[in-house]
N, C-alpha and C. Protein backbone atom coordinates (compact mmCIF):
# COMPACT_ATOMS: atom_id res chain seq x y z
N MET A 1 62.35 -3.84 -1.11
CA MET A 1 61.69 -5.04 -1.45
C MET A 1 60.07 -4.51 -1.71
N LYS A 2 59.28 -5.48 -2.62
CA LYS A 2 57.96 -5.01 -2.75
C LYS A 2 57.14 -5.23 -1.55
N HIS A 3 56.22 -4.22 -1.02
CA HIS A 3 55.49 -4.46 -0.01
C HIS A 3 54.24 -3.50 -0.08
N ILE A 4 53.47 -3.82 1.31
CA ILE A 4 52.47 -2.86 1.45
C ILE A 4 52.70 -2.48 2.84
N PHE A 5 52.26 -1.31 3.29
CA PHE A 5 52.19 -0.84 4.36
C PHE A 5 50.95 -0.04 4.76
N LYS A 6 50.47 -0.50 5.96
CA LYS A 6 49.14 0.34 6.43
C LYS A 6 49.62 0.74 7.82
N GLN A 7 49.05 2.00 8.22
CA GLN A 7 49.33 2.42 9.64
C GLN A 7 48.25 1.77 10.37
N GLY A 8 48.93 1.81 11.59
CA GLY A 8 48.09 1.20 12.75
C GLY A 8 47.07 2.21 13.22
N SER A 9 46.53 1.88 14.37
CA SER A 9 45.39 2.72 15.09
C SER A 9 46.12 3.98 15.92
N SER A 10 47.54 3.82 16.09
CA SER A 10 48.31 4.86 16.93
C SER A 10 49.70 4.92 16.40
N ASP A 11 50.47 6.06 16.68
CA ASP A 11 51.73 6.07 16.36
C ASP A 11 52.85 5.16 16.86
N ASP A 12 52.28 4.42 18.01
CA ASP A 12 53.16 3.40 18.62
C ASP A 12 52.81 1.96 18.52
N SER A 13 51.83 1.77 17.48
CA SER A 13 51.01 0.38 17.36
C SER A 13 52.20 -0.56 16.99
N ARG A 14 51.97 -1.83 17.36
CA ARG A 14 52.90 -2.99 16.95
C ARG A 14 52.73 -3.14 15.42
N VAL A 15 53.82 -3.56 14.67
CA VAL A 15 53.83 -3.83 13.44
C VAL A 15 53.83 -5.12 12.94
N LEU A 16 52.84 -5.80 12.66
CA LEU A 16 52.97 -7.08 12.07
C LEU A 16 53.60 -7.23 10.54
N LEU A 17 54.68 -7.86 10.57
CA LEU A 17 55.53 -8.37 9.38
C LEU A 17 54.98 -9.50 8.70
N LEU A 18 54.29 -9.46 7.65
CA LEU A 18 53.37 -10.54 7.04
C LEU A 18 54.50 -10.91 5.78
N LEU A 19 54.83 -12.21 6.14
CA LEU A 19 55.61 -13.29 5.10
C LEU A 19 54.99 -14.30 4.58
N HIS A 20 54.72 -14.37 3.22
CA HIS A 20 54.10 -15.30 2.73
C HIS A 20 54.84 -16.59 2.37
N GLY A 21 54.07 -17.81 2.07
CA GLY A 21 54.80 -18.94 1.54
C GLY A 21 55.25 -18.77 0.17
N THR A 22 55.96 -19.96 -0.40
CA THR A 22 56.35 -20.01 -1.66
C THR A 22 55.05 -19.99 -2.76
N GLY A 23 55.32 -18.90 -3.67
CA GLY A 23 54.43 -18.74 -4.72
C GLY A 23 53.12 -17.67 -4.28
N GLY A 24 53.44 -17.23 -3.16
CA GLY A 24 52.56 -16.32 -2.43
C GLY A 24 52.77 -14.67 -2.83
N THR A 25 52.10 -13.80 -2.18
CA THR A 25 52.29 -12.36 -2.60
C THR A 25 52.24 -11.61 -1.55
N GLU A 26 52.27 -10.42 -1.23
CA GLU A 26 52.23 -9.63 0.01
C GLU A 26 50.71 -9.28 0.25
N GLN A 27 49.71 -9.99 -0.52
CA GLN A 27 48.38 -9.84 -0.30
C GLN A 27 47.88 -11.19 0.38
N ASP A 28 48.58 -12.27 0.52
CA ASP A 28 48.13 -13.47 0.87
C ASP A 28 47.84 -13.28 2.58
N LEU A 29 48.50 -12.99 3.29
CA LEU A 29 48.36 -13.04 4.66
C LEU A 29 47.55 -11.59 5.50
N LEU A 30 47.13 -10.89 4.48
CA LEU A 30 46.51 -9.64 5.16
C LEU A 30 45.30 -9.84 5.95
N PRO A 31 44.41 -11.11 5.81
CA PRO A 31 43.28 -11.48 6.34
C PRO A 31 43.87 -12.00 7.87
N LEU A 32 44.91 -12.36 8.01
CA LEU A 32 45.55 -12.91 9.17
C LEU A 32 45.78 -11.64 10.16
N ALA A 33 46.31 -10.56 9.58
CA ALA A 33 46.38 -9.58 10.39
C ALA A 33 45.37 -9.08 11.13
N GLU A 34 44.21 -8.89 10.33
CA GLU A 34 42.76 -8.65 10.89
C GLU A 34 42.48 -9.51 12.19
N LEU A 35 42.75 -10.74 12.00
CA LEU A 35 42.45 -11.85 12.96
C LEU A 35 43.40 -11.78 14.44
N ILE A 36 44.53 -11.24 14.04
CA ILE A 36 45.75 -11.41 15.12
C ILE A 36 45.56 -9.91 15.78
N ASP A 37 45.78 -8.96 15.21
CA ASP A 37 45.72 -7.60 15.79
C ASP A 37 45.01 -6.48 14.94
N PRO A 38 43.76 -6.23 14.95
CA PRO A 38 43.52 -5.25 14.06
C PRO A 38 43.72 -3.97 14.32
N ASP A 39 44.42 -3.64 15.46
CA ASP A 39 45.07 -2.14 15.62
C ASP A 39 46.42 -2.11 15.05
N ALA A 40 47.13 -3.25 15.03
CA ALA A 40 48.40 -2.92 14.47
C ALA A 40 48.59 -2.37 12.87
N ALA A 41 49.72 -1.78 13.04
CA ALA A 41 50.24 -1.51 11.47
C ALA A 41 50.66 -2.77 10.80
N ILE A 42 50.62 -2.86 9.53
CA ILE A 42 50.95 -3.89 8.54
C ILE A 42 51.96 -3.70 7.74
N LEU A 43 53.10 -4.36 7.57
CA LEU A 43 54.13 -4.30 6.66
C LEU A 43 54.16 -5.68 5.99
N SER A 44 53.52 -5.85 4.70
CA SER A 44 53.33 -7.09 4.01
C SER A 44 54.49 -7.09 3.07
N VAL A 45 55.45 -7.94 3.16
CA VAL A 45 56.44 -8.07 1.95
C VAL A 45 56.51 -9.15 1.01
N ARG A 46 56.85 -8.79 -0.18
CA ARG A 46 57.16 -10.12 -1.16
C ARG A 46 58.42 -10.42 -1.09
N GLY A 47 58.58 -11.80 -1.31
CA GLY A 47 59.89 -12.30 -1.26
C GLY A 47 60.69 -11.85 -2.74
N ASN A 48 61.97 -11.77 -2.54
CA ASN A 48 62.95 -11.21 -3.72
C ASN A 48 63.18 -12.13 -4.71
N VAL A 49 62.99 -13.46 -4.35
CA VAL A 49 63.57 -14.54 -5.07
C VAL A 49 62.33 -15.29 -5.94
N SER A 50 62.70 -15.74 -7.19
CA SER A 50 61.80 -16.30 -8.18
C SER A 50 62.16 -17.87 -8.33
N GLU A 51 61.55 -18.67 -7.91
CA GLU A 51 61.69 -20.05 -8.28
C GLU A 51 60.51 -20.73 -9.20
N ASN A 52 61.03 -20.66 -10.56
CA ASN A 52 60.21 -20.85 -11.61
C ASN A 52 58.98 -20.01 -11.46
N GLY A 53 59.11 -18.63 -11.23
CA GLY A 53 58.11 -17.76 -11.50
C GLY A 53 57.30 -17.71 -10.03
N MET A 54 57.41 -18.31 -9.11
CA MET A 54 57.08 -18.40 -7.85
C MET A 54 57.92 -17.52 -6.76
N PRO A 55 57.45 -16.37 -6.07
CA PRO A 55 58.11 -15.50 -5.06
C PRO A 55 58.57 -16.47 -3.99
N ARG A 56 59.48 -16.09 -3.70
CA ARG A 56 60.29 -16.84 -2.22
C ARG A 56 61.09 -15.76 -1.60
N PHE A 57 61.59 -15.88 -0.64
CA PHE A 57 62.23 -15.22 0.17
C PHE A 57 63.86 -15.73 0.17
N PHE A 58 64.10 -16.85 -0.09
CA PHE A 58 65.28 -17.34 -0.40
C PHE A 58 65.34 -18.50 -0.98
N LYS A 59 66.76 -18.75 -1.70
CA LYS A 59 66.66 -19.89 -2.53
C LYS A 59 66.78 -21.17 -1.85
N ARG A 60 66.47 -22.27 -2.41
CA ARG A 60 66.62 -23.70 -1.85
C ARG A 60 67.27 -24.44 -3.02
N LEU A 61 67.99 -25.52 -2.58
CA LEU A 61 68.62 -26.42 -3.42
C LEU A 61 67.46 -27.47 -3.96
N ARG A 62 66.69 -28.13 -3.10
CA ARG A 62 65.68 -28.83 -3.47
C ARG A 62 64.72 -28.74 -2.29
N GLU A 63 63.48 -29.41 -2.34
CA GLU A 63 62.63 -29.33 -1.36
C GLU A 63 63.07 -29.61 0.02
N GLY A 64 63.07 -28.88 0.97
CA GLY A 64 63.61 -29.07 2.31
C GLY A 64 64.98 -28.96 2.39
N VAL A 65 65.74 -28.59 1.49
CA VAL A 65 67.19 -28.18 1.79
C VAL A 65 67.60 -26.89 1.05
N PHE A 66 67.68 -26.06 1.93
CA PHE A 66 68.05 -24.49 1.85
C PHE A 66 69.38 -24.14 1.38
N ASP A 67 69.46 -23.01 0.34
CA ASP A 67 70.71 -22.67 0.03
C ASP A 67 71.22 -21.70 0.99
N GLU A 68 71.95 -22.02 2.01
CA GLU A 68 72.37 -21.68 3.19
C GLU A 68 73.04 -19.92 3.03
N GLU A 69 73.78 -19.94 1.72
CA GLU A 69 74.54 -18.75 1.69
C GLU A 69 73.44 -17.64 1.16
N ASP A 70 72.46 -18.17 0.36
CA ASP A 70 71.65 -17.16 0.11
C ASP A 70 70.54 -16.75 1.28
N LEU A 71 70.15 -17.85 2.08
CA LEU A 71 69.48 -17.54 3.28
C LEU A 71 70.13 -16.53 4.00
N ILE A 72 71.46 -16.42 4.25
CA ILE A 72 71.81 -15.69 5.40
C ILE A 72 71.88 -14.26 4.46
N GLU A 73 72.21 -14.13 3.20
CA GLU A 73 72.23 -12.90 2.50
C GLU A 73 70.76 -12.15 2.47
N ARG A 74 69.64 -13.26 2.29
CA ARG A 74 68.39 -12.64 2.18
C ARG A 74 67.86 -12.06 3.65
N THR A 75 68.36 -12.91 4.60
CA THR A 75 67.83 -12.55 5.87
C THR A 75 68.49 -11.13 6.34
N ASP A 76 69.82 -10.79 6.03
CA ASP A 76 70.27 -9.60 6.23
C ASP A 76 69.80 -8.75 5.59
N GLU A 77 69.26 -9.02 4.14
CA GLU A 77 68.41 -7.90 3.61
C GLU A 77 67.20 -7.46 4.03
N LEU A 78 66.50 -8.60 4.49
CA LEU A 78 65.30 -8.36 5.22
C LEU A 78 65.33 -7.32 6.44
N ASN A 79 66.50 -7.81 7.36
CA ASN A 79 66.72 -6.86 8.51
C ASN A 79 67.09 -5.62 8.01
N VAL A 80 67.70 -5.45 7.10
CA VAL A 80 68.16 -3.84 6.63
C VAL A 80 66.75 -3.41 6.20
N PHE A 81 65.99 -3.82 5.52
CA PHE A 81 64.74 -3.29 4.85
C PHE A 81 64.05 -3.03 6.12
N LEU A 82 63.99 -3.59 7.30
CA LEU A 82 62.90 -3.10 8.23
C LEU A 82 63.51 -2.09 8.96
N GLU A 83 64.76 -1.84 8.75
CA GLU A 83 65.40 -0.61 9.55
C GLU A 83 64.98 0.73 8.58
N GLU A 84 64.86 0.40 7.11
CA GLU A 84 64.77 1.46 6.35
C GLU A 84 63.28 1.71 6.36
N ALA A 85 62.27 0.67 6.40
CA ALA A 85 61.00 1.05 6.40
C ALA A 85 60.31 1.63 7.79
N ALA A 86 61.20 1.39 8.85
CA ALA A 86 60.83 2.05 10.28
C ALA A 86 61.21 3.48 9.93
N ALA A 87 62.35 4.04 9.59
CA ALA A 87 62.54 5.24 9.25
C ALA A 87 61.66 5.98 8.23
N GLU A 88 61.34 5.13 6.98
CA GLU A 88 60.23 5.91 5.96
C GLU A 88 58.99 6.01 6.63
N TYR A 89 58.41 5.12 7.31
CA TYR A 89 57.02 5.05 7.62
C TYR A 89 56.78 5.37 9.09
N GLY A 90 57.96 5.73 9.94
CA GLY A 90 57.87 6.22 11.12
C GLY A 90 57.42 5.28 12.32
N PHE A 91 57.55 3.67 12.07
CA PHE A 91 57.01 3.07 13.18
C PHE A 91 58.24 2.80 14.17
N ASN A 92 58.00 1.96 15.26
CA ASN A 92 58.84 1.68 16.26
C ASN A 92 59.57 0.62 15.67
N ARG A 93 60.90 0.42 15.44
CA ARG A 93 61.71 -0.71 14.94
C ARG A 93 61.37 -1.97 15.88
N ASN A 94 61.26 -1.49 17.23
CA ASN A 94 61.43 -2.58 18.29
C ASN A 94 60.08 -3.23 18.48
N ARG A 95 59.31 -2.76 17.76
CA ARG A 95 57.76 -3.26 17.90
C ARG A 95 57.22 -4.14 16.76
N VAL A 96 58.12 -4.59 16.09
CA VAL A 96 57.79 -5.48 14.96
C VAL A 96 57.53 -7.29 15.36
N VAL A 97 56.33 -7.69 14.94
CA VAL A 97 56.25 -8.94 15.23
C VAL A 97 56.07 -9.71 13.68
N ALA A 98 56.71 -10.85 13.83
CA ALA A 98 56.74 -11.58 12.30
C ALA A 98 55.29 -12.47 12.43
N VAL A 99 54.90 -12.47 11.38
CA VAL A 99 53.63 -13.59 10.89
C VAL A 99 53.78 -14.12 9.60
N GLY A 100 54.63 -15.49 9.96
CA GLY A 100 55.25 -16.14 8.49
C GLY A 100 54.45 -17.41 8.32
N TYR A 101 54.34 -17.63 7.06
CA TYR A 101 53.93 -19.10 7.00
C TYR A 101 54.97 -19.79 5.71
N SER A 102 55.33 -20.98 6.43
CA SER A 102 56.19 -21.90 5.37
C SER A 102 57.50 -21.12 5.15
N ASN A 103 57.81 -20.78 3.77
CA ASN A 103 58.89 -20.24 3.41
C ASN A 103 59.13 -18.74 4.19
N GLY A 104 58.02 -18.16 4.33
CA GLY A 104 57.98 -16.80 5.11
C GLY A 104 58.40 -17.03 6.48
N ALA A 105 57.60 -18.20 7.17
CA ALA A 105 58.15 -18.60 8.47
C ALA A 105 59.67 -18.79 8.68
N ASN A 106 60.13 -19.41 7.59
CA ASN A 106 61.48 -19.86 7.71
C ASN A 106 62.43 -18.70 7.69
N ILE A 107 62.23 -17.69 6.90
CA ILE A 107 63.03 -16.39 6.99
C ILE A 107 62.66 -15.84 8.10
N ALA A 108 61.24 -15.70 8.72
CA ALA A 108 61.32 -14.91 9.97
C ALA A 108 62.07 -15.80 11.14
N GLY A 109 62.12 -17.10 11.05
CA GLY A 109 62.81 -17.67 11.87
C GLY A 109 64.36 -17.54 11.83
N SER A 110 64.75 -17.22 10.49
CA SER A 110 66.42 -16.92 10.31
C SER A 110 66.59 -15.62 11.01
N LEU A 111 65.82 -14.74 10.86
CA LEU A 111 65.89 -13.42 11.57
C LEU A 111 66.25 -13.67 13.15
N LEU A 112 65.68 -14.61 13.79
CA LEU A 112 65.88 -14.87 15.22
C LEU A 112 67.05 -15.68 15.26
N PHE A 113 67.52 -16.34 14.36
CA PHE A 113 68.67 -17.48 14.24
C PHE A 113 69.92 -16.35 14.17
N HIS A 114 69.72 -15.14 13.74
CA HIS A 114 71.02 -14.38 13.21
C HIS A 114 70.95 -13.12 13.80
N TYR A 115 70.18 -12.56 14.45
CA TYR A 115 69.79 -11.11 14.87
C TYR A 115 69.29 -10.99 16.38
N LYS A 116 69.97 -10.38 17.34
CA LYS A 116 69.24 -9.97 18.50
C LYS A 116 68.33 -8.90 18.35
N ASN A 117 67.06 -8.94 19.09
CA ASN A 117 66.35 -7.49 18.96
C ASN A 117 65.78 -7.14 17.49
N SER A 118 65.55 -8.53 16.73
CA SER A 118 65.24 -8.31 15.32
C SER A 118 63.71 -8.26 15.22
N LEU A 119 63.23 -9.02 16.32
CA LEU A 119 61.48 -9.00 16.29
C LEU A 119 61.35 -9.00 17.74
N GLU A 120 59.86 -8.38 18.12
CA GLU A 120 59.69 -8.36 19.51
C GLU A 120 58.87 -9.68 19.76
N ALA A 121 58.28 -10.37 18.60
CA ALA A 121 57.77 -11.73 18.75
C ALA A 121 57.39 -12.04 17.30
N ALA A 122 57.11 -13.44 17.34
CA ALA A 122 57.00 -14.31 16.02
C ALA A 122 55.68 -15.30 16.09
N LEU A 123 55.04 -15.31 15.11
CA LEU A 123 54.02 -16.35 14.85
C LEU A 123 54.81 -16.93 13.65
N LEU A 124 55.04 -18.24 13.78
CA LEU A 124 55.79 -19.13 12.47
C LEU A 124 54.93 -20.28 12.30
N PHE A 125 54.14 -20.12 11.17
CA PHE A 125 53.14 -21.24 10.79
C PHE A 125 53.96 -22.23 9.74
N HIS A 126 54.12 -23.51 10.32
CA HIS A 126 54.83 -24.48 9.46
C HIS A 126 56.14 -24.29 8.93
N PRO A 127 57.20 -23.81 9.90
CA PRO A 127 58.45 -23.57 9.68
C PRO A 127 59.50 -24.84 9.93
N MET A 128 60.70 -24.64 9.30
CA MET A 128 61.66 -25.52 9.38
C MET A 128 62.90 -24.80 10.43
N VAL A 129 63.87 -25.69 10.49
CA VAL A 129 64.92 -24.92 11.16
C VAL A 129 65.68 -24.35 10.35
N PRO A 130 66.08 -23.07 10.35
CA PRO A 130 66.80 -22.29 9.14
C PRO A 130 68.31 -22.74 9.02
N ARG A 131 68.96 -22.79 9.97
CA ARG A 131 70.44 -23.43 9.99
C ARG A 131 70.43 -24.23 11.14
N ARG A 132 71.45 -25.23 11.16
CA ARG A 132 71.95 -26.01 11.95
C ARG A 132 73.24 -25.81 12.38
N GLY A 133 73.76 -26.11 13.79
CA GLY A 133 75.23 -25.88 14.15
C GLY A 133 75.88 -24.67 14.24
N ILE A 134 74.81 -23.68 14.70
CA ILE A 134 75.33 -22.17 14.70
C ILE A 134 74.71 -21.66 16.19
N GLN A 135 75.64 -20.64 16.69
CA GLN A 135 75.17 -20.14 17.96
C GLN A 135 74.23 -18.93 17.81
N LEU A 136 72.88 -19.06 18.47
CA LEU A 136 71.61 -18.41 18.29
C LEU A 136 72.05 -17.16 19.41
N PRO A 137 71.91 -16.01 18.82
CA PRO A 137 72.02 -14.58 19.59
C PRO A 137 70.93 -15.04 20.79
N ASP A 138 71.26 -14.09 21.89
CA ASP A 138 70.15 -14.17 22.82
C ASP A 138 68.91 -13.58 22.70
N GLN A 139 68.02 -14.60 22.60
CA GLN A 139 66.71 -14.10 22.47
C GLN A 139 65.51 -14.24 23.67
N SER A 140 66.34 -13.76 24.75
CA SER A 140 65.62 -13.96 26.24
C SER A 140 64.36 -13.26 26.28
N GLY A 141 63.10 -13.93 26.49
CA GLY A 141 61.90 -13.39 26.78
C GLY A 141 60.94 -13.32 25.49
N ILE A 142 61.55 -13.60 24.23
CA ILE A 142 60.96 -13.30 23.06
C ILE A 142 59.93 -14.30 22.94
N PRO A 143 58.85 -13.81 22.65
CA PRO A 143 57.55 -14.85 22.72
C PRO A 143 57.54 -15.43 21.08
N VAL A 144 57.57 -16.82 21.25
CA VAL A 144 57.43 -17.38 19.74
C VAL A 144 56.03 -18.45 19.68
N PHE A 145 55.35 -18.35 18.60
CA PHE A 145 54.41 -19.49 18.37
C PHE A 145 54.73 -20.15 17.38
N ILE A 146 54.47 -21.35 17.63
CA ILE A 146 54.89 -22.25 16.36
C ILE A 146 53.67 -23.33 15.89
N GLY A 147 53.06 -23.07 14.69
CA GLY A 147 51.99 -23.84 14.27
C GLY A 147 52.54 -24.98 13.44
N ALA A 148 51.97 -26.20 13.81
CA ALA A 148 52.61 -27.29 13.00
C ALA A 148 51.53 -28.27 12.71
N GLY A 149 52.15 -29.22 11.71
CA GLY A 149 51.14 -30.48 11.34
C GLY A 149 51.75 -31.60 11.90
N GLU A 150 51.23 -32.61 12.48
CA GLU A 150 51.90 -33.63 12.97
C GLU A 150 52.01 -34.72 11.47
N ASN A 151 51.04 -34.37 10.51
CA ASN A 151 51.52 -35.24 9.30
C ASN A 151 51.81 -34.44 8.32
N ASP A 152 52.63 -33.11 8.37
CA ASP A 152 53.31 -32.29 7.49
C ASP A 152 54.11 -32.95 6.28
N PRO A 153 53.81 -33.00 5.27
CA PRO A 153 54.62 -33.72 4.31
C PRO A 153 55.79 -32.99 4.08
N ILE A 154 55.90 -31.57 4.11
CA ILE A 154 56.81 -30.47 3.71
C ILE A 154 57.60 -30.09 4.72
N CYS A 155 57.14 -30.23 5.98
CA CYS A 155 57.81 -29.75 7.15
C CYS A 155 57.76 -30.91 8.28
N PRO A 156 58.62 -31.78 8.33
CA PRO A 156 58.31 -33.10 9.33
C PRO A 156 58.12 -32.67 10.85
N ALA A 157 57.57 -33.18 11.47
CA ALA A 157 57.19 -33.05 12.69
C ALA A 157 58.59 -32.75 13.56
N GLN A 158 59.69 -33.49 13.39
CA GLN A 158 60.98 -33.34 13.98
C GLN A 158 61.54 -31.87 13.93
N GLU A 159 61.31 -31.44 12.73
CA GLU A 159 61.72 -29.95 12.53
C GLU A 159 61.14 -28.95 13.60
N THR A 160 59.63 -29.28 14.08
CA THR A 160 59.15 -28.48 14.67
C THR A 160 59.76 -28.56 16.29
N VAL A 161 60.06 -29.94 16.69
CA VAL A 161 60.53 -30.28 17.83
C VAL A 161 61.88 -29.53 17.94
N ASP A 162 62.93 -29.73 17.04
CA ASP A 162 64.04 -29.23 16.99
C ASP A 162 64.13 -27.89 17.09
N LEU A 163 63.31 -27.19 16.13
CA LEU A 163 63.26 -25.53 16.04
C LEU A 163 62.90 -25.00 17.45
N LYS A 164 61.76 -25.59 18.17
CA LYS A 164 61.38 -25.17 19.51
C LYS A 164 62.74 -25.26 20.72
N GLU A 165 63.25 -26.39 20.45
CA GLU A 165 64.45 -26.74 21.51
C GLU A 165 65.43 -25.52 21.28
N LEU A 166 65.87 -25.44 19.95
CA LEU A 166 67.02 -24.34 19.53
C LEU A 166 66.60 -22.92 20.02
N LEU A 167 65.36 -22.49 19.76
CA LEU A 167 65.08 -21.05 20.14
C LEU A 167 64.73 -21.09 21.87
N GLU A 168 64.36 -22.17 22.46
CA GLU A 168 64.32 -22.18 23.88
C GLU A 168 65.78 -22.31 24.64
N GLN A 169 66.74 -22.78 23.89
CA GLN A 169 68.14 -22.63 24.19
C GLN A 169 68.62 -21.15 24.29
N SER A 170 68.03 -20.24 23.37
CA SER A 170 68.37 -19.08 23.38
C SER A 170 67.82 -18.27 24.21
N GLY A 171 66.53 -18.84 24.86
CA GLY A 171 66.10 -17.98 25.80
C GLY A 171 64.64 -17.34 25.22
N ALA A 172 64.23 -17.78 24.11
CA ALA A 172 62.71 -17.67 23.71
C ALA A 172 61.78 -18.18 24.55
N ASN A 173 60.54 -17.76 24.69
CA ASN A 173 59.38 -18.61 25.44
C ASN A 173 58.55 -19.04 24.27
N VAL A 174 58.78 -20.36 23.75
CA VAL A 174 58.17 -20.82 22.56
C VAL A 174 56.95 -21.77 23.17
N THR A 175 55.80 -21.50 22.18
CA THR A 175 54.57 -22.37 22.28
C THR A 175 54.47 -23.01 21.01
N ASP A 176 54.10 -24.27 21.18
CA ASP A 176 53.58 -25.06 19.88
C ASP A 176 52.25 -25.53 19.83
N HIS A 177 51.67 -25.34 18.60
CA HIS A 177 50.33 -25.70 18.39
C HIS A 177 50.31 -26.92 17.17
N TRP A 178 49.62 -27.99 17.64
CA TRP A 178 49.63 -29.10 16.46
C TRP A 178 48.39 -29.43 15.97
N GLU A 179 48.21 -29.65 14.71
CA GLU A 179 46.96 -30.11 14.08
C GLU A 179 47.55 -31.30 12.91
N GLN A 180 46.28 -31.62 12.45
CA GLN A 180 46.73 -32.89 11.60
C GLN A 180 46.25 -32.49 10.10
N MET A 181 46.49 -31.46 9.63
CA MET A 181 46.09 -31.05 8.25
C MET A 181 47.13 -30.90 7.28
N GLY A 182 48.15 -31.46 7.58
CA GLY A 182 49.46 -31.48 6.62
C GLY A 182 50.00 -30.15 6.59
N HIS A 183 50.27 -29.68 5.53
CA HIS A 183 51.00 -28.35 5.58
C HIS A 183 49.88 -27.03 5.20
N ARG A 184 48.73 -27.39 5.29
CA ARG A 184 47.85 -26.34 5.23
C ARG A 184 47.68 -25.37 6.48
N LEU A 185 47.71 -24.07 6.15
CA LEU A 185 47.49 -23.16 7.01
C LEU A 185 46.00 -23.00 7.51
N THR A 186 45.23 -23.43 8.65
CA THR A 186 44.02 -23.60 8.92
C THR A 186 43.56 -22.42 9.58
N GLU A 187 42.12 -22.35 9.49
CA GLU A 187 41.45 -21.14 10.34
C GLU A 187 41.71 -21.50 11.83
N SER A 188 41.64 -22.73 12.37
CA SER A 188 41.65 -23.02 13.77
C SER A 188 43.13 -22.83 14.17
N GLU A 189 44.21 -23.01 13.15
CA GLU A 189 45.57 -22.64 13.60
C GLU A 189 45.71 -21.07 13.90
N VAL A 190 45.10 -20.47 12.75
CA VAL A 190 45.49 -18.90 13.02
C VAL A 190 44.75 -18.50 14.19
N LYS A 191 43.59 -18.99 14.61
CA LYS A 191 42.80 -18.56 15.79
C LYS A 191 43.51 -18.83 17.18
N ALA A 192 44.39 -20.14 16.98
CA ALA A 192 45.03 -20.63 18.28
C ALA A 192 46.34 -19.43 18.58
N GLY A 193 46.73 -18.95 17.01
CA GLY A 193 47.80 -18.00 17.10
C GLY A 193 47.28 -16.69 17.52
N ALA A 194 46.17 -16.31 17.29
CA ALA A 194 45.73 -15.15 17.60
C ALA A 194 45.41 -14.99 19.20
N ALA A 195 44.83 -15.84 19.85
CA ALA A 195 44.56 -16.35 21.20
C ALA A 195 45.95 -16.14 21.99
N TRP A 196 47.05 -16.76 21.40
CA TRP A 196 48.28 -16.82 21.89
C TRP A 196 48.78 -15.39 22.01
N TYR A 197 48.83 -14.80 20.90
CA TYR A 197 48.98 -13.33 20.48
C TYR A 197 48.56 -12.37 21.83
N ALA A 198 47.30 -12.67 22.01
CA ALA A 198 46.49 -11.70 22.89
C ALA A 198 46.80 -12.06 24.47
N SER A 199 47.47 -13.24 24.64
CA SER A 199 47.86 -13.56 25.95
C SER A 199 49.27 -13.22 26.30
N ASN A 200 50.18 -13.44 25.14
CA ASN A 200 51.80 -13.38 25.22
C ASN A 200 52.39 -12.08 24.75
N VAL A 201 51.62 -11.33 23.62
CA VAL A 201 52.47 -10.37 23.12
C VAL A 201 51.83 -9.16 23.63
């Protein structure tokens, strides 16, 4: 997978896994990493799927409807990539914290829905429920931040409510933060995520 890796301040630094939204690139979320944890290593990944020339992490059938088969395959692909990247760059695989926006938040959420110990923590900005009707792995004690918009036209508020409930049922410690700026990723939302990170991760 096309990506950027930057070493952290120490050999055992946390690794911020940056996952962009539809049409984004591995450059998009780099400024967020500096706000959230300037000492962390950075692994910023570009989605392997193209939708009309726009990078994504998995296919969708239409707006808001995921291609579940592709989602499962791409989630596995990302999980394997993390193992390979940890071996290549020498970081601790158990210290990966996902920071995802929109489509990137969905693939990060999918890691939590499919794999135990895939992430140490996650900041999910404007995610949806990746899959419904499945048993989640035990995510006891995993801290998760969800940034959401009460008036988000792409990710309805109920998606956030449902996602929080499903993750909490799996044992995760979930904090939700609500704004009224639609699907936009705002500076105040990122700052709220950074403050949460400082206290919980």
